[in-house]
């Protein structure tokens, strides 16, 4: 039973790492398009970003990160080992999603009176 729990925790950790890397790549593509859309020809990148498969990947990645992070935090608290590192990594993963990036950017905009 304990071996299955260890395997589950390891699988969740690997999944969270892979999903975070995918999220960081998505963020890089999105922000590159946002920054350079007015100055350069970003039609090819824009076509990729508005495609249906990319949007499905974006939403699926975001939802899976939230689910895996919640399970990973719960397992970290239950195991009582490396709680700070595991919770910090889970929060970092959540903050890399496009949804949270947009919330942070809008929060900063409201703070400085841009909106």
N, C-alpha and C. Protein backbone atom coordinates (compact mmCIF):
# COMPACT_ATOMS: atom_id res chain seq x y z
N UNK A 1 0.82 -1.19 0.00
CA UNK A 1 0.00 0.00 0.00
C UNK A 1 0.86 1.26 0.00
N UNK A 2 1.92 1.29 0.82
CA UNK A 2 2.78 2.47 0.88
C UNK A 2 3.53 2.67 -0.43
N UNK A 3 3.86 1.57 -1.12
CA UNK A 3 4.56 1.68 -2.39
C UNK A 3 3.65 2.33 -3.43
N UNK A 4 2.36 1.99 -3.42
CA UNK A 4 1.41 2.60 -4.35
C UNK A 4 1.26 4.08 -4.08
N UNK A 5 1.26 4.48 -2.81
CA UNK A 5 1.15 5.89 -2.45
C UNK A 5 2.39 6.65 -2.90
N UNK A 6 3.57 6.06 -2.73
CA UNK A 6 4.80 6.69 -3.18
C UNK A 6 4.80 6.84 -4.69
N UNK A 7 4.35 5.81 -5.40
CA UNK A 7 4.29 5.88 -6.86
C UNK A 7 3.31 6.95 -7.31
N UNK A 8 2.17 7.06 -6.63
CA UNK A 8 1.19 8.07 -6.98
C UNK A 8 1.77 9.46 -6.79
N UNK A 9 2.49 9.66 -5.70
CA UNK A 9 3.09 10.97 -5.44
C UNK A 9 4.16 11.29 -6.48
N UNK A 10 4.93 10.30 -6.87
CA UNK A 10 5.97 10.51 -7.88
C UNK A 10 5.35 10.80 -9.25
N UNK A 11 4.28 10.10 -9.58
CA UNK A 11 3.59 10.35 -10.85
C UNK A 11 3.00 11.75 -10.87
N UNK A 12 2.41 12.18 -9.75
CA UNK A 12 1.85 13.53 -9.67
C UNK A 12 2.95 14.58 -9.82
N UNK A 13 4.09 14.31 -9.23
CA UNK A 13 5.22 15.25 -9.33
C UNK A 13 5.70 15.37 -10.77
N UNK A 14 5.85 14.26 -11.46
CA UNK A 14 6.29 14.27 -12.85
C UNK A 14 5.25 14.95 -13.74
N UNK A 15 3.99 14.64 -13.50
CA UNK A 15 2.92 15.28 -14.29
C UNK A 15 2.94 16.79 -14.09
N UNK A 16 3.11 17.22 -12.85
CA UNK A 16 3.13 18.64 -12.56
C UNK A 16 4.32 19.34 -13.21
N UNK A 17 5.45 18.68 -13.23
CA UNK A 17 6.63 19.24 -13.90
C UNK A 17 6.39 19.39 -15.39
N UNK A 18 5.87 18.35 -16.02
CA UNK A 18 5.61 18.39 -17.46
C UNK A 18 4.56 19.46 -17.79
N UNK A 19 3.50 19.51 -17.01
CA UNK A 19 2.45 20.50 -17.25
C UNK A 19 2.96 21.92 -17.05
N UNK A 20 3.84 22.12 -16.09
CA UNK A 20 4.42 23.45 -15.86
C UNK A 20 5.30 23.86 -17.03
N UNK A 21 6.08 22.93 -17.56
CA UNK A 21 6.92 23.23 -18.72
C UNK A 21 6.04 23.59 -19.92
N UNK A 22 4.98 22.85 -20.14
CA UNK A 22 4.05 23.17 -21.23
C UNK A 22 3.44 24.54 -21.01
N UNK A 23 3.07 24.85 -19.79
CA UNK A 23 2.48 26.15 -19.48
C UNK A 23 3.48 27.28 -19.72
N UNK A 24 4.72 27.08 -19.37
CA UNK A 24 5.74 28.11 -19.61
C UNK A 24 5.97 28.33 -21.10
N UNK A 25 5.92 27.27 -21.89
CA UNK A 25 6.05 27.40 -23.35
C UNK A 25 4.85 28.15 -23.92
N UNK A 26 3.66 27.83 -23.46
CA UNK A 26 2.45 28.53 -23.91
C UNK A 26 2.55 30.01 -23.55
N UNK A 27 2.99 30.31 -22.33
CA UNK A 27 3.14 31.70 -21.92
C UNK A 27 4.14 32.44 -22.80
N UNK A 28 5.25 31.79 -23.11
CA UNK A 28 6.25 32.42 -23.97
C UNK A 28 5.67 32.74 -25.35
N UNK A 29 4.92 31.82 -25.91
CA UNK A 29 4.29 32.06 -27.22
C UNK A 29 3.26 33.19 -27.14
N UNK A 30 2.43 33.17 -26.12
CA UNK A 30 1.39 34.20 -25.97
C UNK A 30 2.00 35.59 -25.77
N UNK A 31 2.98 35.68 -24.88
CA UNK A 31 3.58 36.99 -24.60
C UNK A 31 4.40 37.49 -25.78
N UNK A 32 5.06 36.60 -26.50
CA UNK A 32 5.77 37.01 -27.71
C UNK A 32 4.81 37.61 -28.71
N UNK A 33 3.67 36.98 -28.89
CA UNK A 33 2.67 37.51 -29.81
C UNK A 33 2.14 38.86 -29.33
N UNK A 34 1.86 38.98 -28.04
CA UNK A 34 1.33 40.24 -27.51
C UNK A 34 2.33 41.39 -27.65
N UNK A 35 3.60 41.10 -27.44
CA UNK A 35 4.62 42.16 -27.48
C UNK A 35 4.90 42.61 -28.91
N UNK A 36 5.02 41.67 -29.82
CA UNK A 36 5.48 42.00 -31.16
C UNK A 36 4.37 42.14 -32.20
N UNK A 37 3.10 42.04 -31.82
CA UNK A 37 2.02 42.07 -32.80
C UNK A 37 1.91 43.44 -33.49
N UNK A 38 2.24 44.51 -32.79
CA UNK A 38 2.13 45.85 -33.39
C UNK A 38 3.36 46.24 -34.20
N UNK A 39 4.49 45.62 -33.96
CA UNK A 39 5.73 46.02 -34.61
C UNK A 39 6.16 45.10 -35.75
N UNK A 40 5.85 43.83 -35.64
CA UNK A 40 6.34 42.86 -36.61
C UNK A 40 5.18 42.03 -37.14
N UNK A 41 5.45 41.29 -38.19
CA UNK A 41 4.45 40.40 -38.76
C UNK A 41 4.41 39.10 -37.95
N UNK A 42 3.38 38.96 -37.16
CA UNK A 42 3.24 37.77 -36.31
C UNK A 42 2.05 36.92 -36.74
N UNK A 43 1.71 36.98 -38.02
CA UNK A 43 0.54 36.25 -38.51
C UNK A 43 0.66 34.74 -38.28
N UNK A 44 1.83 34.18 -38.55
CA UNK A 44 1.99 32.73 -38.37
C UNK A 44 1.82 32.32 -36.91
N UNK A 45 2.43 33.10 -36.02
CA UNK A 45 2.29 32.82 -34.59
C UNK A 45 0.85 33.04 -34.14
N UNK A 46 0.24 34.10 -34.61
CA UNK A 46 -1.15 34.40 -34.25
C UNK A 46 -2.09 33.30 -34.74
N UNK A 47 -1.84 32.79 -35.94
CA UNK A 47 -2.67 31.69 -36.46
C UNK A 47 -2.56 30.45 -35.58
N UNK A 48 -1.36 30.19 -35.08
CA UNK A 48 -1.17 29.05 -34.18
C UNK A 48 -1.93 29.28 -32.86
N UNK A 49 -1.83 30.48 -32.32
CA UNK A 49 -2.41 30.77 -31.02
C UNK A 49 -3.94 30.79 -31.02
N UNK A 50 -4.54 31.09 -32.15
CA UNK A 50 -6.01 31.11 -32.20
C UNK A 50 -6.60 29.81 -32.75
N UNK A 51 -5.74 28.84 -33.04
CA UNK A 51 -6.23 27.57 -33.56
C UNK A 51 -6.94 26.78 -32.47
N UNK A 52 -7.85 25.95 -32.90
CA UNK A 52 -8.63 25.15 -31.95
C UNK A 52 -7.77 24.16 -31.15
N UNK A 53 -6.84 23.43 -31.79
CA UNK A 53 -6.00 22.51 -31.00
C UNK A 53 -5.17 23.22 -29.93
N UNK A 54 -4.67 24.41 -30.26
CA UNK A 54 -3.88 25.16 -29.28
C UNK A 54 -4.75 25.60 -28.11
N UNK A 55 -5.96 26.06 -28.40
CA UNK A 55 -6.86 26.46 -27.32
C UNK A 55 -7.26 25.29 -26.44
N UNK A 56 -7.46 24.13 -27.04
CA UNK A 56 -7.77 22.93 -26.25
C UNK A 56 -6.58 22.59 -25.37
N UNK A 57 -5.36 22.64 -25.92
CA UNK A 57 -4.16 22.39 -25.13
C UNK A 57 -4.02 23.39 -23.99
N UNK A 58 -4.30 24.65 -24.27
CA UNK A 58 -4.20 25.69 -23.24
C UNK A 58 -5.15 25.41 -22.09
N UNK A 59 -6.41 25.15 -22.41
CA UNK A 59 -7.40 24.91 -21.35
C UNK A 59 -7.14 23.60 -20.61
N UNK A 60 -6.78 22.58 -21.34
CA UNK A 60 -6.49 21.29 -20.72
C UNK A 60 -5.29 21.40 -19.78
N UNK A 61 -4.26 22.10 -20.22
CA UNK A 61 -3.07 22.29 -19.39
C UNK A 61 -3.42 23.06 -18.13
N UNK A 62 -4.17 24.13 -18.27
CA UNK A 62 -4.54 24.93 -17.10
C UNK A 62 -5.37 24.12 -16.10
N UNK A 63 -6.35 23.41 -16.58
CA UNK A 63 -7.22 22.63 -15.69
C UNK A 63 -6.43 21.52 -15.01
N UNK A 64 -5.58 20.82 -15.76
CA UNK A 64 -4.79 19.74 -15.18
C UNK A 64 -3.78 20.26 -14.16
N UNK A 65 -3.24 21.44 -14.39
CA UNK A 65 -2.31 22.02 -13.41
C UNK A 65 -3.04 22.28 -12.11
N UNK A 66 -4.24 22.84 -12.17
CA UNK A 66 -4.99 23.11 -10.94
C UNK A 66 -5.31 21.81 -10.20
N UNK A 67 -5.76 20.81 -10.92
CA UNK A 67 -6.12 19.54 -10.29
C UNK A 67 -4.89 18.86 -9.69
N UNK A 68 -3.82 18.75 -10.47
CA UNK A 68 -2.60 18.10 -9.97
C UNK A 68 -1.99 18.87 -8.80
N UNK A 69 -2.04 20.18 -8.86
CA UNK A 69 -1.48 20.98 -7.77
C UNK A 69 -2.24 20.77 -6.47
N UNK A 70 -3.55 20.71 -6.57
CA UNK A 70 -4.35 20.48 -5.36
C UNK A 70 -4.02 19.12 -4.76
N UNK A 71 -3.99 18.08 -5.59
CA UNK A 71 -3.64 16.75 -5.09
C UNK A 71 -2.22 16.72 -4.53
N UNK A 72 -1.31 17.40 -5.19
CA UNK A 72 0.09 17.41 -4.76
C UNK A 72 0.24 18.12 -3.42
N UNK A 73 -0.48 19.21 -3.23
CA UNK A 73 -0.45 19.93 -1.94
C UNK A 73 -1.03 19.05 -0.84
N UNK A 74 -2.15 18.40 -1.11
CA UNK A 74 -2.76 17.52 -0.11
C UNK A 74 -1.81 16.39 0.25
N UNK A 75 -1.19 15.77 -0.73
CA UNK A 75 -0.24 14.68 -0.45
C UNK A 75 0.97 15.18 0.32
N UNK A 76 1.43 16.40 0.02
CA UNK A 76 2.58 16.96 0.73
C UNK A 76 2.25 17.19 2.20
N UNK A 77 1.07 17.68 2.47
CA UNK A 77 0.67 17.91 3.86
C UNK A 77 0.49 16.57 4.59
N UNK A 78 -0.05 15.59 3.89
CA UNK A 78 -0.24 14.28 4.52
C UNK A 78 1.08 13.58 4.79
N UNK A 79 2.03 13.69 3.89
CA UNK A 79 3.30 12.99 4.07
C UNK A 79 4.23 13.71 5.05
N UNK A 80 4.02 14.99 5.26
CA UNK A 80 4.81 15.79 6.20
C UNK A 80 6.30 15.79 5.88
N UNK A 81 6.63 15.62 4.60
CA UNK A 81 8.01 15.67 4.15
C UNK A 81 8.14 16.73 3.07
N UNK A 82 9.08 17.62 3.22
CA UNK A 82 9.34 18.67 2.23
C UNK A 82 8.08 19.46 1.89
N UNK A 83 7.32 19.80 2.90
CA UNK A 83 6.04 20.49 2.66
C UNK A 83 6.27 21.83 1.97
N UNK A 84 7.23 22.61 2.45
CA UNK A 84 7.46 23.94 1.90
C UNK A 84 7.85 23.88 0.43
N UNK A 85 8.72 22.97 0.08
CA UNK A 85 9.17 22.85 -1.31
C UNK A 85 8.02 22.40 -2.20
N UNK A 86 7.27 21.42 -1.77
CA UNK A 86 6.18 20.90 -2.59
C UNK A 86 5.06 21.91 -2.75
N UNK A 87 4.71 22.61 -1.70
CA UNK A 87 3.65 23.62 -1.79
C UNK A 87 4.13 24.80 -2.64
N UNK A 88 5.39 25.19 -2.49
CA UNK A 88 5.94 26.28 -3.29
C UNK A 88 5.93 25.92 -4.78
N UNK A 89 6.33 24.71 -5.10
CA UNK A 89 6.32 24.29 -6.50
C UNK A 89 4.89 24.25 -7.05
N UNK A 90 3.95 23.79 -6.24
CA UNK A 90 2.56 23.75 -6.69
C UNK A 90 2.03 25.15 -6.94
N UNK A 91 2.35 26.08 -6.06
CA UNK A 91 1.91 27.46 -6.26
C UNK A 91 2.59 28.09 -7.48
N UNK A 92 3.86 27.78 -7.69
CA UNK A 92 4.54 28.26 -8.89
C UNK A 92 3.87 27.72 -10.14
N UNK A 93 3.50 26.46 -10.12
CA UNK A 93 2.82 25.86 -11.27
C UNK A 93 1.49 26.56 -11.54
N UNK A 94 0.76 26.84 -10.48
CA UNK A 94 -0.53 27.53 -10.65
C UNK A 94 -0.31 28.93 -11.20
N UNK A 95 0.71 29.62 -10.74
CA UNK A 95 0.97 30.98 -11.19
C UNK A 95 1.47 31.04 -12.63
N UNK A 96 1.93 29.93 -13.20
CA UNK A 96 2.38 29.94 -14.59
C UNK A 96 1.25 29.79 -15.59
N UNK A 97 0.05 29.51 -15.13
CA UNK A 97 -1.07 29.35 -16.07
C UNK A 97 -1.46 30.71 -16.64
N UNK A 98 -2.01 30.70 -17.84
CA UNK A 98 -2.42 31.95 -18.50
C UNK A 98 -3.50 32.66 -17.70
N UNK A 99 -4.40 31.93 -17.08
CA UNK A 99 -5.47 32.53 -16.31
C UNK A 99 -4.90 33.36 -15.16
N UNK A 100 -3.98 32.79 -14.43
CA UNK A 100 -3.37 33.51 -13.30
C UNK A 100 -2.50 34.67 -13.79
N UNK A 101 -1.81 34.48 -14.91
CA UNK A 101 -1.00 35.57 -15.46
C UNK A 101 -1.87 36.76 -15.81
N UNK A 102 -3.01 36.49 -16.41
CA UNK A 102 -3.93 37.59 -16.74
C UNK A 102 -4.48 38.25 -15.49
N UNK A 103 -4.80 37.47 -14.46
CA UNK A 103 -5.27 38.06 -13.20
C UNK A 103 -4.20 38.94 -12.56
N UNK A 104 -2.96 38.49 -12.58
CA UNK A 104 -1.86 39.26 -11.99
C UNK A 104 -1.65 40.56 -12.78
N UNK A 105 -1.64 40.47 -14.11
CA UNK A 105 -1.46 41.66 -14.95
C UNK A 105 -2.60 42.65 -14.74
N UNK A 106 -3.84 42.16 -14.69
CA UNK A 106 -4.98 43.05 -14.46
C UNK A 106 -4.93 43.65 -13.06
N UNK A 107 -4.49 42.89 -12.07
CA UNK A 107 -4.34 43.42 -10.72
C UNK A 107 -3.33 44.54 -10.66
N UNK A 108 -2.21 44.39 -11.35
CA UNK A 108 -1.19 45.43 -11.38
C UNK A 108 -1.72 46.66 -12.13
N UNK A 109 -2.47 46.43 -13.20
CA UNK A 109 -3.05 47.54 -13.94
C UNK A 109 -4.03 48.33 -13.08
N UNK A 110 -4.84 47.64 -12.31
CA UNK A 110 -5.77 48.33 -11.41
C UNK A 110 -5.01 49.08 -10.31
N UNK A 111 -3.96 48.47 -9.80
CA UNK A 111 -3.16 49.08 -8.75
C UNK A 111 -2.56 50.42 -9.20
N UNK A 112 -2.11 50.48 -10.45
CA UNK A 112 -1.50 51.70 -10.96
C UNK A 112 -2.49 52.59 -11.72
N UNK A 113 -3.76 52.27 -11.68
CA UNK A 113 -4.78 53.13 -12.28
C UNK A 113 -4.83 53.09 -13.79
N UNK A 114 -4.38 52.02 -14.40
CA UNK A 114 -4.40 51.91 -15.86
C UNK A 114 -5.81 51.62 -16.33
N UNK A 115 -6.55 50.81 -15.58
CA UNK A 115 -7.95 50.51 -15.92
C UNK A 115 -8.84 51.50 -15.25
